[in-house]
Structures are given as structure tokens and as C-alpha cells.
């Protein structure tokens, strides 16, 4: 088996892992299958990535970029300057991404890491970029909030929206009827914004 240059192998493994995650979720990643499809020895994977979690993180970084792009495009398609309307558009874009990219979206949150220290800095930066999209309209609604309060509000609103979207996408018995998810998101954002502004 010919030796594949490290950067080429890295790119190849990310592409293959991304396709498998889209098709089957994280559970679809098996080192032997990846090695066979990439045309490398099993051990070569671990010369590029310390473990499969690091490979999933690389795929998740790409997913974060695509998610952020979709949320920005959704907001741009609804150019209403009202910050509540912007937040509702963001929630709709987030939900649309989750529905269209279910397995890749779930992989963003299903990855088990032993500690925050194991997560690379670039991963936190991608998450921070996503949170900054949410922070802009919240800053308009809450100009007196400290940076710490705003950060907590962004995380709280994201968590609430994510929970509703997750329960809708997973079709769990939860009281989140699929045909009412958009209405629930709009109501959550409108009432939350009215309370904190």
C-alpha cells in the first residue's frame, strides 16, 4: 500500500468521515472502514488524528461553518431590522439546518469528550462565532446588559431553541408537535425578548 502524504490523508479522512456522518451519524464511523476507503493502513489514521473523536471534531468544525452560513443567509433573506424578527429568522434557519442535516447536526452535540481541555481552541472559536450571530440582536434589545449577562442570555436562548429543535427533530414523545415547532420558537423568542428588554 503506497504511503499517502499526511495532509492529503487528513483531507481524505475528513471527507470520508463527513460523508459517513451524514449518512449514518457518529455510529457509522469505524476505523477499519475508514482505512479501507481511504486506502491506508489502520495505524495511519492515528498518525493523523490521535483518536476518532479528533476526526469527528474536524468534521464538526466544517458543520459549524455551514450552520453559521445558513443562519446568516436566513437572516439576510428576512432583512427586517427588528431584533426579535432577526432572532426568529435565526431560529428558523437553525431548525432548517437541523432537519436538512440531521446526522451532522446531531454529531455537533453527541461527541463525548473527557474534558473541555480535550477540545481544540478552534472548536471553541467556531462556537463563539455562532453565538456572536445571536448576540448582535440581543445586544440591541439589552443595551444595559453587561458582557457576562449577555453571554448568559445568548447561551440560555440558544439552549432553549436547541432543546425545542432537538425534540422536534428526534420525534420524541415530548409535547413538541412537529407542525407547531416554528410557532413555539417564535413564541419563546418573543416572550423572552419582552421579558428581558
C-alpha atoms as a PDB file:
ATOM      1  CA  UNK A   1       0.000   0.000   0.000  1.00  0.00           C
ATOM      2  CA  UNK A   2       1.533   3.315  -1.092  1.00  0.00           C
ATOM      3  CA  UNK A   3       2.136   5.890   1.601  1.00  0.00           C
ATOM      4  CA  UNK A   4      -0.260   8.851   1.328  1.00  0.00           C
ATOM      5  CA  UNK A   5       1.177  12.268   2.279  1.00  0.00           C
ATOM      6  CA  UNK A   6      -0.067  13.326   5.719  1.00  0.00           C
ATOM      7  CA  UNK A   7      -2.074  16.404   4.630  1.00  0.00           C
ATOM      8  CA  UNK A   8      -3.647  14.519   1.738  1.00  0.00           C
ATOM      9  CA  UNK A   9      -4.609  11.671   4.067  1.00  0.00           C
ATOM     10  CA  UNK A  10      -6.012  14.127   6.610  1.00  0.00           C
ATOM     11  CA  UNK A  11      -8.222  15.770   3.968  1.00  0.00           C
ATOM     12  CA  UNK A  12      -9.297  12.379   2.617  1.00  0.00           C
ATOM     13  CA  UNK A  13     -10.228  11.063   6.063  1.00  0.00           C
ATOM     14  CA  UNK A  14     -12.255  14.200   6.858  1.00  0.00           C
ATOM     15  CA  UNK A  15     -14.164  13.882   3.565  1.00  0.00           C
ATOM     16  CA  UNK A  16     -14.902  10.199   4.137  1.00  0.00           C
ATOM     17  CA  UNK A  17     -15.880  10.752   7.787  1.00  0.00           C
ATOM     18  CA  UNK A  18     -18.122  13.652   6.831  1.00  0.00           C
ATOM     19  CA  UNK A  19     -19.962  11.519   4.260  1.00  0.00           C
ATOM     20  CA  UNK A  20     -20.364   8.674   6.764  1.00  0.00           C
ATOM     21  CA  UNK A  21     -21.623  11.005   9.498  1.00  0.00           C
ATOM     22  CA  UNK A  22     -24.156  12.498   7.078  1.00  0.00           C
ATOM     23  CA  UNK A  23     -25.354   9.036   6.121  1.00  0.00           C
ATOM     24  CA  UNK A  24     -25.209   7.174   9.434  1.00  0.00           C
ATOM     25  CA  UNK A  25     -24.248   9.553  12.232  1.00  0.00           C
ATOM     26  CA  UNK A  26     -21.232   9.137  14.510  1.00  0.00           C
ATOM     27  CA  UNK A  27     -22.074   5.467  14.977  1.00  0.00           C
ATOM     28  CA  UNK A  28     -21.186   4.949  11.296  1.00  0.00           C
ATOM     29  CA  UNK A  29     -17.506   5.729  11.926  1.00  0.00           C
ATOM     30  CA  UNK A  30     -15.352   2.643  12.220  1.00  0.00           C
ATOM     31  CA  UNK A  31     -11.589   2.929  11.890  1.00  0.00           C
ATOM     32  CA  UNK A  32     -11.220  -0.195   9.723  1.00  0.00           C
ATOM     33  CA  UNK A  33     -13.852   1.031   7.262  1.00  0.00           C
ATOM     34  CA  UNK A  34     -12.251   4.479   7.127  1.00  0.00           C
ATOM     35  CA  UNK A  35      -8.808   2.978   6.469  1.00  0.00           C
ATOM     36  CA  UNK A  36     -10.131   0.731   3.714  1.00  0.00           C
ATOM     37  CA  UNK A  37     -11.980   3.575   1.986  1.00  0.00           C
ATOM     38  CA  UNK A  38      -9.051   5.995   2.365  1.00  0.00           C
ATOM     39  CA  UNK A  39      -6.623   3.400   1.027  1.00  0.00           C
ATOM     40  CA  UNK A  40      -4.335   3.499   4.049  1.00  0.00           C
ATOM     41  CA  UNK A  41      -3.229   1.252   6.861  1.00  0.00           C
ATOM     42  CA  UNK A  42      -5.316   1.302  10.030  1.00  0.00           C
ATOM     43  CA  UNK A  43      -2.431   2.776  12.028  1.00  0.00           C
ATOM     44  CA  UNK A  44      -2.043   5.634   9.536  1.00  0.00           C
ATOM     45  CA  UNK A  45      -5.318   7.133  10.791  1.00  0.00           C
ATOM     46  CA  UNK A  46      -3.776   7.500  14.249  1.00  0.00           C
ATOM     47  CA  UNK A  47      -0.695   9.191  12.799  1.00  0.00           C
ATOM     48  CA  UNK A  48      -3.020  11.956  11.593  1.00  0.00           C
ATOM     49  CA  UNK A  49      -5.662  12.000  14.353  1.00  0.00           C
ATOM     50  CA  UNK A  50      -4.957  10.928  17.930  1.00  0.00           C
ATOM     51  CA  UNK A  51      -8.357   9.191  18.042  1.00  0.00           C
ATOM     52  CA  UNK A  52     -11.671   9.132  16.194  1.00  0.00           C
ATOM     53  CA  UNK A  53     -13.019  11.938  18.399  1.00  0.00           C
ATOM     54  CA  UNK A  54     -10.424  14.268  16.884  1.00  0.00           C
ATOM     55  CA  UNK A  55     -11.597  13.258  13.415  1.00  0.00           C
ATOM     56  CA  UNK A  56     -15.215  13.935  14.389  1.00  0.00           C
ATOM     57  CA  UNK A  57     -14.142  17.331  15.744  1.00  0.00           C
ATOM     58  CA  UNK A  58     -12.598  18.168  12.365  1.00  0.00           C
ATOM     59  CA  UNK A  59     -15.872  17.252  10.640  1.00  0.00           C
ATOM     60  CA  UNK A  60     -17.846  19.204  13.249  1.00  0.00           C
ATOM     61  CA  UNK A  61     -15.747  22.292  12.540  1.00  0.00           C
ATOM     62  CA  UNK A  62     -16.925  22.172   8.937  1.00  0.00           C
ATOM     63  CA  UNK A  63     -20.504  21.595  10.100  1.00  0.00           C
ATOM     64  CA  UNK A  64     -20.318  24.661  12.369  1.00  0.00           C
ATOM     65  CA  UNK A  65     -19.223  26.784   9.396  1.00  0.00           C
ATOM     66  CA  UNK A  66     -22.105  25.512   7.263  1.00  0.00           C
ATOM     67  CA  UNK A  67     -24.569  26.039  10.113  1.00  0.00           C
ATOM     68  CA  UNK A  68     -23.383  29.612  10.661  1.00  0.00           C
ATOM     69  CA  UNK A  69     -23.622  30.312   6.929  1.00  0.00           C
ATOM     70  CA  UNK A  70     -27.186  29.002   6.787  1.00  0.00           C
ATOM     71  CA  UNK A  71     -28.266  31.060   9.806  1.00  0.00           C
ATOM     72  CA  UNK A  72     -26.694  34.202   8.260  1.00  0.00           C
ATOM     73  CA  UNK A  73     -28.375  33.523   4.898  1.00  0.00           C
ATOM     74  CA  UNK A  74     -31.752  33.045   6.595  1.00  0.00           C
ATOM     75  CA  UNK A  75     -31.383  36.366   8.410  1.00  0.00           C
ATOM     76  CA  UNK A  76     -30.297  38.077   5.175  1.00  0.00           C
ATOM     77  CA  UNK A  77     -33.394  36.698   3.442  1.00  0.00           C
ATOM     78  CA  UNK A  78     -35.510  38.388   6.157  1.00  0.00           C
ATOM     79  CA  UNK A  79     -33.994  41.891   6.222  1.00  0.00           C
ATOM     80  CA  UNK A  80     -36.380  43.144   8.918  1.00  0.00           C
ATOM     81  CA  UNK A  81     -34.212  45.314  11.209  1.00  0.00           C
ATOM     82  CA  UNK A  82     -36.330  44.362  14.239  1.00  0.00           C
ATOM     83  CA  UNK A  83     -34.052  42.311  16.530  1.00  0.00           C
ATOM     84  CA  UNK A  84     -36.883  39.962  17.535  1.00  0.00           C
ATOM     85  CA  UNK A  85     -37.624  39.245  13.861  1.00  0.00           C
ATOM     86  CA  UNK A  86     -33.900  38.572  13.345  1.00  0.00           C
ATOM     87  CA  UNK A  87     -33.833  36.125  16.265  1.00  0.00           C
ATOM     88  CA  UNK A  88     -36.905  34.319  14.939  1.00  0.00           C
ATOM     89  CA  UNK A  89     -35.266  34.079  11.489  1.00  0.00           C
ATOM     90  CA  UNK A  90     -32.124  32.661  13.132  1.00  0.00           C
ATOM     91  CA  UNK A  91     -34.180  30.028  14.947  1.00  0.00           C
ATOM     92  CA  UNK A  92     -35.890  29.096  11.675  1.00  0.00           C
ATOM     93  CA  UNK A  93     -32.515  28.824   9.923  1.00  0.00           C
ATOM     94  CA  UNK A  94     -31.160  26.717  12.781  1.00  0.00           C
ATOM     95  CA  UNK A  95     -34.140  24.376  12.634  1.00  0.00           C
ATOM     96  CA  UNK A  96     -33.942  24.100   8.834  1.00  0.00           C
ATOM     97  CA  UNK A  97     -30.266  23.156   9.065  1.00  0.00           C
ATOM     98  CA  UNK A  98     -31.026  20.541  11.734  1.00  0.00           C
ATOM     99  CA  UNK A  99     -33.795  18.992   9.628  1.00  0.00           C
ATOM    100  CA  UNK A 100     -31.754  19.007   6.403  1.00  0.00           C
ATOM    101  CA  UNK A 101     -28.507  17.807   8.030  1.00  0.00           C
ATOM    102  CA  UNK A 102     -29.847  15.731  10.902  1.00  0.00           C
ATOM    103  CA  UNK A 103     -26.904  13.381  11.474  1.00  0.00           C
ATOM    104  CA  UNK A 104     -24.190  16.020  11.016  1.00  0.00           C
ATOM    105  CA  UNK A 105     -26.117  18.401  13.290  1.00  0.00           C
ATOM    106  CA  UNK A 106     -26.545  15.723  15.974  1.00  0.00           C
ATOM    107  CA  UNK A 107     -22.814  14.967  15.756  1.00  0.00           C
ATOM    108  CA  UNK A 108     -22.126  18.524  16.962  1.00  0.00           C
ATOM    109  CA  UNK A 109     -23.637  17.580  20.321  1.00  0.00           C
ATOM    110  CA  UNK A 110     -23.270  13.793  20.521  1.00  0.00           C
ATOM    111  CA  UNK A 111     -19.486  13.724  20.654  1.00  0.00           C
ATOM    112  CA  UNK A 112     -18.294  12.588  24.078  1.00  0.00           C
ATOM    113  CA  UNK A 113     -15.116  14.280  25.252  1.00  0.00           C
ATOM    114  CA  UNK A 114     -13.417  13.521  28.553  1.00  0.00           C
ATOM    115  CA  UNK A 115     -12.929  17.211  29.412  1.00  0.00           C
ATOM    116  CA  UNK A 116     -13.078  20.712  27.965  1.00  0.00           C
ATOM    117  CA  UNK A 117      -9.280  20.562  27.799  1.00  0.00           C
ATOM    118  CA  UNK A 118      -9.533  17.920  25.059  1.00  0.00           C
ATOM    119  CA  UNK A 119     -11.471  20.291  22.787  1.00  0.00           C
ATOM    120  CA  UNK A 120      -9.187  22.290  20.476  1.00  0.00           C
ATOM    121  CA  UNK A 121      -9.259  26.092  20.606  1.00  0.00           C
ATOM    122  CA  UNK A 122     -10.524  26.425  17.034  1.00  0.00           C
ATOM    123  CA  UNK A 123     -13.636  24.460  18.024  1.00  0.00           C
ATOM    124  CA  UNK A 124     -14.468  26.978  20.768  1.00  0.00           C
ATOM    125  CA  UNK A 125     -13.864  29.777  18.265  1.00  0.00           C
ATOM    126  CA  UNK A 126     -16.384  28.290  15.829  1.00  0.00           C
ATOM    127  CA  UNK A 127     -18.945  28.011  18.623  1.00  0.00           C
ATOM    128  CA  UNK A 128     -18.211  31.590  19.692  1.00  0.00           C
ATOM    129  CA  UNK A 129     -18.783  32.773  16.102  1.00  0.00           C
ATOM    130  CA  UNK A 130     -22.194  31.085  16.122  1.00  0.00           C
ATOM    131  CA  UNK A 131     -23.039  32.669  19.476  1.00  0.00           C
ATOM    132  CA  UNK A 132     -21.987  36.102  18.185  1.00  0.00           C
ATOM    133  CA  UNK A 133     -24.663  35.891  15.479  1.00  0.00           C
ATOM    134  CA  UNK A 134     -27.232  35.508  18.268  1.00  0.00           C
ATOM    135  CA  UNK A 135     -25.619  38.178  20.452  1.00  0.00           C
ATOM    136  CA  UNK A 136     -25.999  41.041  17.942  1.00  0.00           C
ATOM    137  CA  UNK A 137     -29.815  41.386  18.135  1.00  0.00           C
ATOM    138  CA  UNK A 138     -29.816  40.549  21.865  1.00  0.00           C
ATOM    139  CA  UNK A 139     -27.357  43.403  22.393  1.00  0.00           C
ATOM    140  CA  UNK A 140     -29.858  45.732  20.678  1.00  0.00           C
ATOM    141  CA  UNK A 141     -32.639  44.528  22.945  1.00  0.00           C
ATOM    142  CA  UNK A 142     -30.497  44.713  26.096  1.00  0.00           C
ATOM    143  CA  UNK A 143     -28.089  47.647  25.748  1.00  0.00           C
ATOM    144  CA  UNK A 144     -27.660  47.931  29.534  1.00  0.00           C
ATOM    145  CA  UNK A 145     -26.601  44.290  29.997  1.00  0.00           C
ATOM    146  CA  UNK A 146     -23.041  43.539  30.991  1.00  0.00           C
ATOM    147  CA  UNK A 147     -20.933  41.312  28.740  1.00  0.00           C
ATOM    148  CA  UNK A 148     -21.360  38.462  31.226  1.00  0.00           C
ATOM    149  CA  UNK A 149     -25.160  38.836  31.351  1.00  0.00           C
ATOM    150  CA  UNK A 150     -25.343  39.000  27.562  1.00  0.00           C
ATOM    151  CA  UNK A 151     -23.209  35.870  27.251  1.00  0.00           C
ATOM    152  CA  UNK A 152     -25.505  34.002  29.650  1.00  0.00           C
ATOM    153  CA  UNK A 153     -28.582  35.229  27.791  1.00  0.00           C
ATOM    154  CA  UNK A 154     -27.148  34.084  24.439  1.00  0.00           C
ATOM    155  CA  UNK A 155     -26.394  30.649  25.883  1.00  0.00           C
ATOM    156  CA  UNK A 156     -29.801  30.390  27.557  1.00  0.00           C
ATOM    157  CA  UNK A 157     -31.689  31.346  24.408  1.00  0.00           C
ATOM    158  CA  UNK A 158     -29.557  29.028  22.275  1.00  0.00           C
ATOM    159  CA  UNK A 159     -30.157  26.179  24.730  1.00  0.00           C
ATOM    160  CA  UNK A 160     -33.917  26.738  24.729  1.00  0.00           C
ATOM    161  CA  UNK A 161     -34.122  26.916  20.928  1.00  0.00           C
ATOM    162  CA  UNK A 162     -31.827  23.899  20.598  1.00  0.00           C
ATOM    163  CA  UNK A 163     -33.971  21.874  23.004  1.00  0.00           C
ATOM    164  CA  UNK A 164     -37.160  22.565  21.077  1.00  0.00           C
ATOM    165  CA  UNK A 165     -35.472  21.810  17.752  1.00  0.00           C
ATOM    166  CA  UNK A 166     -33.884  18.610  19.112  1.00  0.00           C
ATOM    167  CA  UNK A 167     -37.159  17.267  20.442  1.00  0.00           C
ATOM    168  CA  UNK A 168     -38.850  18.121  17.138  1.00  0.00           C
ATOM    169  CA  UNK A 169     -36.122  16.538  15.007  1.00  0.00           C
ATOM    170  CA  UNK A 170     -35.936  13.418  17.165  1.00  0.00           C
ATOM    171  CA  UNK A 171     -39.733  12.986  17.047  1.00  0.00           C
ATOM    172  CA  UNK A 172     -39.734  12.039  20.704  1.00  0.00           C
ATOM    173  CA  UNK A 173     -42.860  11.902  22.851  1.00  0.00           C
ATOM    174  CA  UNK A 174     -42.327  15.344  24.293  1.00  0.00           C
ATOM    175  CA  UNK A 175     -45.211  17.676  23.647  1.00  0.00           C
ATOM    176  CA  UNK A 176     -43.315  19.276  20.752  1.00  0.00           C
ATOM    177  CA  UNK A 177     -45.598  18.663  17.766  1.00  0.00           C
ATOM    178  CA  UNK A 178     -43.629  18.969  14.517  1.00  0.00           C
ATOM    179  CA  UNK A 179     -46.211  21.211  12.881  1.00  0.00           C
ATOM    180  CA  UNK A 180     -46.014  23.692  15.786  1.00  0.00           C
ATOM    181  CA  UNK A 181     -42.232  23.932  16.250  1.00  0.00           C
ATOM    182  CA  UNK A 182     -41.872  27.192  14.309  1.00  0.00           C
ATOM    183  CA  UNK A 183     -44.733  28.739  16.286  1.00  0.00           C
ATOM    184  CA  UNK A 184     -43.179  27.548  19.567  1.00  0.00           C
ATOM    185  CA  UNK A 185     -39.810  29.055  18.622  1.00  0.00           C
ATOM    186  CA  UNK A 186     -41.368  32.391  17.679  1.00  0.00           C
ATOM    187  CA  UNK A 187     -43.382  32.461  20.910  1.00  0.00           C
ATOM    188  CA  UNK A 188     -40.330  31.581  23.022  1.00  0.00           C
ATOM    189  CA  UNK A 189     -38.215  34.310  21.434  1.00  0.00           C
ATOM    190  CA  UNK A 190     -40.938  36.968  21.517  1.00  0.00           C
ATOM    191  CA  UNK A 191     -41.828  36.334  25.156  1.00  0.00           C
ATOM    192  CA  UNK A 192     -38.193  36.025  26.258  1.00  0.00           C
ATOM    193  CA  UNK A 193     -37.260  39.263  24.478  1.00  0.00           C
ATOM    194  CA  UNK A 194     -40.224  41.065  26.025  1.00  0.00           C
ATOM    195  CA  UNK A 195     -39.167  39.903  29.486  1.00  0.00           C
ATOM    196  CA  UNK A 196     -35.505  40.865  29.310  1.00  0.00           C
ATOM    197  CA  UNK A 197     -35.624  44.066  27.246  1.00  0.00           C
END
